[in-house]
C-alpha atoms as a PDB file:
ATOM      1  CA  MET A   1       1.081 -45.566 -65.807  1.00  0.00           C
ATOM      2  CA  ALA A   2       2.584 -43.524 -62.939  1.00  0.00           C
ATOM      3  CA  ALA A   3       5.529 -44.441 -60.768  1.00  0.00           C
ATOM      4  CA  VAL A   4       6.098 -43.582 -57.121  1.00  0.00           C
ATOM      5  CA  ASN A   5       9.676 -43.488 -55.837  1.00  0.00           C
ATOM      6  CA  MET A   6      10.039 -45.345 -52.537  1.00  0.00           C
ATOM      7  CA  GLY A   7      13.745 -45.518 -51.761  1.00  0.00           C
ATOM      8  CA  SER A   8      15.575 -47.904 -54.057  1.00  0.00           C
ATOM      9  CA  LYS A   9      12.354 -49.584 -55.241  1.00  0.00           C
ATOM     10  CA  ILE A  10       9.755 -48.102 -57.547  1.00  0.00           C
ATOM     11  CA  THR A  11       6.097 -48.996 -57.105  1.00  0.00           C
ATOM     12  CA  VAL A  12       3.972 -48.739 -60.222  1.00  0.00           C
ATOM     13  CA  LYS A  13       0.236 -48.123 -59.865  1.00  0.00           C
ATOM     14  CA  ARG A  14      -0.408 -51.652 -61.024  1.00  0.00           C
ATOM     15  CA  GLY A  15       1.265 -52.819 -57.808  1.00  0.00           C
ATOM     16  CA  LYS A  16       4.520 -54.190 -59.232  1.00  0.00           C
ATOM     17  CA  GLU A  17       7.799 -53.289 -57.556  1.00  0.00           C
ATOM     18  CA  ARG A  18      10.721 -52.477 -59.762  1.00  0.00           C
ATOM     19  CA  THR A  19      14.364 -51.817 -58.981  1.00  0.00           C
ATOM     20  CA  ASP A  20      16.333 -48.744 -60.086  1.00  0.00           C
ATOM     21  CA  SER A  21      17.524 -50.505 -63.237  1.00  0.00           C
ATOM     22  CA  SER A  22      13.983 -51.165 -64.392  1.00  0.00           C
ATOM     23  CA  LEU A  23      13.230 -47.490 -63.731  1.00  0.00           C
ATOM     24  CA  LEU A  24      15.425 -46.657 -66.708  1.00  0.00           C
ATOM     25  CA  THR A  25      13.114 -48.481 -69.069  1.00  0.00           C
ATOM     26  CA  LEU A  26      10.034 -47.091 -67.346  1.00  0.00           C
ATOM     27  CA  ILE A  27      11.167 -43.483 -67.694  1.00  0.00           C
ATOM     28  CA  CYS A  28      12.360 -43.861 -71.286  1.00  0.00           C
ATOM     29  CA  TRP A  29       8.916 -44.922 -72.537  1.00  0.00           C
ATOM     30  CA  SER A  30       6.664 -42.010 -73.310  1.00  0.00           C
ATOM     31  CA  SER A  31       2.981 -41.924 -72.411  1.00  0.00           C
ATOM     32  CA  THR A  32       2.051 -43.184 -75.899  1.00  0.00           C
ATOM     33  CA  GLY A  33       4.206 -46.241 -75.466  1.00  0.00           C
ATOM     34  CA  GLN A  34       6.825 -45.061 -77.953  1.00  0.00           C
ATOM     35  CA  MET A  35      10.501 -44.935 -77.263  1.00  0.00           C
ATOM     36  CA  GLY A  36      12.420 -41.734 -77.948  1.00  0.00           C
ATOM     37  CA  GLY A  37      11.177 -38.401 -79.250  1.00  0.00           C
ATOM     38  CA  GLU A  38       8.791 -39.324 -82.056  1.00  0.00           C
ATOM     39  CA  GLY A  39       5.764 -37.043 -82.211  1.00  0.00           C
ATOM     40  CA  GLU A  40       6.396 -35.282 -78.878  1.00  0.00           C
ATOM     41  CA  SER A  41       5.368 -31.712 -78.168  1.00  0.00           C
ATOM     42  CA  GLN A  42       7.635 -29.127 -76.591  1.00  0.00           C
ATOM     43  CA  GLU A  43       6.046 -29.792 -73.196  1.00  0.00           C
ATOM     44  CA  ASP A  44       6.653 -33.527 -73.521  1.00  0.00           C
ATOM     45  CA  LYS A  45      10.269 -32.887 -74.473  1.00  0.00           C
ATOM     46  CA  SER A  46      10.853 -30.691 -71.419  1.00  0.00           C
ATOM     47  CA  GLU A  47       9.223 -33.325 -69.203  1.00  0.00           C
ATOM     48  CA  ALA A  48      11.409 -35.992 -70.780  1.00  0.00           C
ATOM     49  CA  GLU A  49      14.526 -33.889 -70.179  1.00  0.00           C
ATOM     50  CA  GLN A  50      13.498 -33.335 -66.571  1.00  0.00           C
ATOM     51  CA  ALA A  51      12.837 -37.064 -66.133  1.00  0.00           C
ATOM     52  CA  GLU A  52      16.228 -37.849 -67.685  1.00  0.00           C
ATOM     53  CA  GLN A  53      17.916 -35.407 -65.309  1.00  0.00           C
ATOM     54  CA  GLU A  54      16.147 -37.000 -62.338  1.00  0.00           C
ATOM     55  CA  ARG A  55      17.177 -40.449 -63.568  1.00  0.00           C
ATOM     56  CA  LEU A  56      20.814 -39.398 -63.823  1.00  0.00           C
ATOM     57  CA  GLU A  57      20.687 -37.887 -60.338  1.00  0.00           C
ATOM     58  CA  ALA A  58      19.134 -41.088 -58.973  1.00  0.00           C
ATOM     59  CA  LEU A  59      21.846 -43.172 -60.628  1.00  0.00           C
ATOM     60  CA  GLN A  60      24.568 -40.924 -59.199  1.00  0.00           C
ATOM     61  CA  GLU A  61      23.013 -41.110 -55.737  1.00  0.00           C
ATOM     62  CA  ALA A  62      22.798 -44.901 -55.925  1.00  0.00           C
ATOM     63  CA  GLU A  63      26.429 -45.090 -57.031  1.00  0.00           C
ATOM     64  CA  ASP A  64      27.495 -42.845 -54.142  1.00  0.00           C
ATOM     65  CA  ARG A  65      25.594 -45.023 -51.647  1.00  0.00           C
ATOM     66  CA  ARG A  66      27.226 -48.136 -53.101  1.00  0.00           C
ATOM     67  CA  LYS A  67      30.715 -46.630 -52.859  1.00  0.00           C
ATOM     68  CA  GLU A  68      30.119 -45.484 -49.281  1.00  0.00           C
ATOM     69  CA  LYS A  69      28.860 -48.946 -48.310  1.00  0.00           C
ATOM     70  CA  HIS A  70      31.936 -50.638 -49.767  1.00  0.00           C
ATOM     71  CA  ARG A  71      34.260 -48.078 -48.161  1.00  0.00           C
ATOM     72  CA  LYS A  72      32.730 -48.818 -44.737  1.00  0.00           C
ATOM     73  CA  LEU A  73      32.997 -52.572 -45.281  1.00  0.00           C
ATOM     74  CA  GLU A  74      36.649 -52.250 -46.277  1.00  0.00           C
ATOM     75  CA  GLU A  75      37.367 -50.135 -43.185  1.00  0.00           C
ATOM     76  CA  GLU A  76      35.840 -52.847 -40.983  1.00  0.00           C
ATOM     77  CA  ARG A  77      37.872 -55.547 -42.747  1.00  0.00           C
ATOM     78  CA  GLU A  78      41.075 -53.549 -42.358  1.00  0.00           C
ATOM     79  CA  LYS A  79      40.345 -53.038 -38.657  1.00  0.00           C
ATOM     80  CA  MET A  80      39.938 -56.809 -38.230  1.00  0.00           C
ATOM     81  CA  ARG A  81      43.123 -57.457 -40.208  1.00  0.00           C
ATOM     82  CA  GLN A  82      45.055 -55.027 -38.010  1.00  0.00           C
ATOM     83  CA  GLU A  83      43.764 -56.711 -34.851  1.00  0.00           C
ATOM     84  CA  ILE A  84      45.004 -60.064 -36.178  1.00  0.00           C
ATOM     85  CA  ARG A  85      48.381 -58.555 -37.129  1.00  0.00           C
ATOM     86  CA  ASP A  86      48.741 -57.070 -33.649  1.00  0.00           C
ATOM     87  CA  LYS A  87      47.709 -60.316 -31.959  1.00  0.00           C
ATOM     88  CA  TYR A  88      50.219 -62.476 -33.850  1.00  0.00           C
ATOM     89  CA  GLY A  89      52.946 -59.885 -34.432  1.00  0.00           C
ATOM     90  CA  ILE A  90      52.658 -59.908 -38.211  1.00  0.00           C
ATOM     91  CA  LYS A  91      53.963 -56.985 -40.222  1.00  0.00           C
ATOM     92  CA  LYS A  92      51.753 -55.366 -42.793  1.00  0.00           C
ATOM     93  CA  ARG A  93      52.599 -56.144 -46.441  1.00  0.00           C
ATOM     94  CA  GLU A  94      53.360 -52.509 -47.198  1.00  0.00           C
ATOM     95  CA  GLU A  95      55.873 -52.425 -44.337  1.00  0.00           C
ATOM     96  CA  LYS A  96      57.588 -55.571 -45.638  1.00  0.00           C
ATOM     97  CA  GLU A  97      57.719 -54.142 -49.158  1.00  0.00           C
ATOM     98  CA  ALA A  98      59.219 -50.900 -47.842  1.00  0.00           C
ATOM     99  CA  GLU A  99      61.944 -52.863 -46.031  1.00  0.00           C
ATOM    100  CA  MET A 100      62.678 -54.897 -49.164  1.00  0.00           C
ATOM    101  CA  ASN A 101      62.900 -51.773 -51.319  1.00  0.00           C
ATOM    102  CA  GLN A 102      65.251 -50.158 -48.818  1.00  0.00           C
ATOM    103  CA  ALA A 103      67.480 -53.247 -48.759  1.00  0.00           C
ATOM    104  CA  ILE A 104      67.561 -53.364 -52.552  1.00  0.00           C
ATOM    105  CA  ALA A 105      68.455 -49.678 -52.692  1.00  0.00           C
ATOM    106  CA  GLU A 106      71.370 -50.335 -50.347  1.00  0.00           C
ATOM    107  CA  GLY A 107      72.497 -53.215 -52.544  1.00  0.00           C
ATOM    108  CA  GLY A 108      72.248 -55.790 -49.754  1.00  0.00           C
ATOM    109  CA  LEU A 109      70.128 -58.340 -51.565  1.00  0.00           C
ATOM    110  CA  ASN A 110      71.764 -58.321 -54.969  1.00  0.00           C
ATOM    111  CA  ARG A 111      75.301 -59.444 -55.516  1.00  0.00           C
ATOM    112  CA  ARG A 112      77.434 -57.643 -58.045  1.00  0.00           C
ATOM    113  CA  LYS A 113      77.830 -59.143 -61.497  1.00  0.00           C
ATOM    114  CA  LYS A 114      81.066 -60.923 -62.255  1.00  0.00           C
ATOM    115  CA  THR A 115      83.336 -59.734 -65.016  1.00  0.00           C
ATOM    116  CA  PRO A 116      84.192 -62.070 -67.914  1.00  0.00           C
ATOM    117  CA  ALA A 117      87.696 -62.529 -66.470  1.00  0.00           C
ATOM    118  CA  GLU A 118      86.240 -63.598 -63.112  1.00  0.00           C
ATOM    119  CA  LEU A 119      83.828 -65.987 -64.829  1.00  0.00           C
ATOM    120  CA  ALA A 120      86.674 -67.551 -66.838  1.00  0.00           C
ATOM    121  CA  ALA A 121      88.829 -67.945 -63.733  1.00  0.00           C
ATOM    122  CA  GLU A 122      85.945 -69.527 -61.829  1.00  0.00           C
ATOM    123  CA  GLN A 123      85.206 -71.948 -64.663  1.00  0.00           C
ATOM    124  CA  GLU A 124      88.871 -72.902 -64.908  1.00  0.00           C
ATOM    125  CA  ALA A 125      89.003 -73.518 -61.163  1.00  0.00           C
ATOM    126  CA  GLU A 126      85.970 -75.792 -61.357  1.00  0.00           C
ATOM    127  CA  GLU A 127      87.515 -77.846 -64.142  1.00  0.00           C
ATOM    128  CA  LEU A 128      90.675 -78.502 -62.174  1.00  0.00           C
ATOM    129  CA  ASP A 129      90.614 -80.846 -59.245  1.00  0.00           C
ATOM    130  CA  ASP A 130      93.037 -80.734 -56.313  1.00  0.00           C
ATOM    131  CA  PHE A 131      95.661 -83.032 -57.876  1.00  0.00           C
ATOM    132  CA  THR A 132      95.644 -81.307 -61.263  1.00  0.00           C
ATOM    133  CA  SER A 133      95.825 -77.846 -59.789  1.00  0.00           C
ATOM    134  CA  LYS A 134      98.776 -78.762 -57.516  1.00  0.00           C
ATOM    135  CA  SER A 135     100.708 -80.439 -60.313  1.00  0.00           C
ATOM    136  CA  THR A 136      99.994 -77.542 -62.684  1.00  0.00           C
ATOM    137  CA  ILE A 137     101.289 -75.046 -60.131  1.00  0.00           C
ATOM    138  CA  CYS A 138     104.479 -77.091 -59.649  1.00  0.00           C
ATOM    139  CA  PHE A 139     104.907 -77.433 -63.407  1.00  0.00           C
ATOM    140  CA  LYS A 140     104.442 -73.690 -63.962  1.00  0.00           C
ATOM    141  CA  GLU A 141     106.965 -72.917 -61.200  1.00  0.00           C
ATOM    142  CA  ASP A 142     109.506 -75.240 -62.889  1.00  0.00           C
ATOM    143  CA  LEU A 143     108.992 -73.510 -66.233  1.00  0.00           C
ATOM    144  CA  MET A 144     109.435 -70.074 -64.763  1.00  0.00           C
ATOM    145  CA  ALA A 145     112.597 -70.961 -62.904  1.00  0.00           C
END
């Protein structure tokens, strides 16, 4: 059974087309139909090593083509995104994040933490209403005098 490489498809003499993934199984089987290195001569072993090397190269080439295809698609998508941003005046996410990080670094977005004394004073002020606070101030002034 011989295989002929035609791009990403493999045509076997029996007329079946196989993809690169099925090529793995096809190459791994020896001519006797056995898997692996049982009963192989030195010549068969060198042929198997050469076939394995070719298989690895084919896999690497296929992976490189896949990565290049996806890189091109992503470039096209980014170009379309940028056109939309320009059309509607939208800032890119990375630009917004940079502005936020700069504002945080300056301390503009975060307020400072209150001390326990400030928290106690604020809580006391909330508990007192206008009448109570005025009468307490007058009472304290009378005691101090």
